[in-house]
Amino acid sequence: MRLRPVEWVLRAVVTVHMVAVFAQPVFAGVYLSGDFDGLGMHATGADVVTSLCLLQLIVAIVVRVRLRRAWPCLVTLALAVAETVQYFAGAAGALWLHIPLGVFTIAAAAVLFVAIWARPVARPVVGPVARPAGKAATVDA
C-alpha cells in the first residue's frame, strides 16, 4: 500500500522525537557521572523533546483531520501532557515524579514509533468487488 505524504511526515517526526527522547537519559547519566555540563545538555534536550512533541501533535492533528484517524493524535496528546508534567517536575527538582515519567515517556515513544512504522496509519481503501460480466450482485440474508 502506498503511503500518503502526511503519513511520511508523521513517521519522520515520530522518529526524530523518539531519538531525542532516548538521548535524555544519556545526558542525565553524564551529569550523574560527575560532569556538571550534562545537566545543561539534559535541560537543552528537554526543550528539544518538548518542542518536537508539540510539532508531532500538530502533525497528528493534521492526520486526524485528513485521514480521519484519531489514535495518533490521542497518543501524542497523552505523550505531550506527560512530557510537560515531566518538564516542570524536573525544573522543580521533583525527581520522585520526573524519573518515573521519564521511563513512561521512553516506553510510550518507543511503542508509538513501532505502531507508526508497523503499518499504514490510513485505512486501506476498499472498493467494489469485481464481478464477471453478466453477473448481478446478490444480497445474502
Foldseek 3Di string as FASTA:
>chain_A
DDADPLLVVLLVLLVVLLVLLVCLVVLVVVVVVPDVVSVVVNLVSLVVNLVSLVVSLVSQVVCCVPQVFNVSNVLSVVLNVLSVVLSVCVVVVVCVSNVVSSVVNNVSSVVSSCVSPVDPRHDDDDDDDDDPPPDDDDDDD
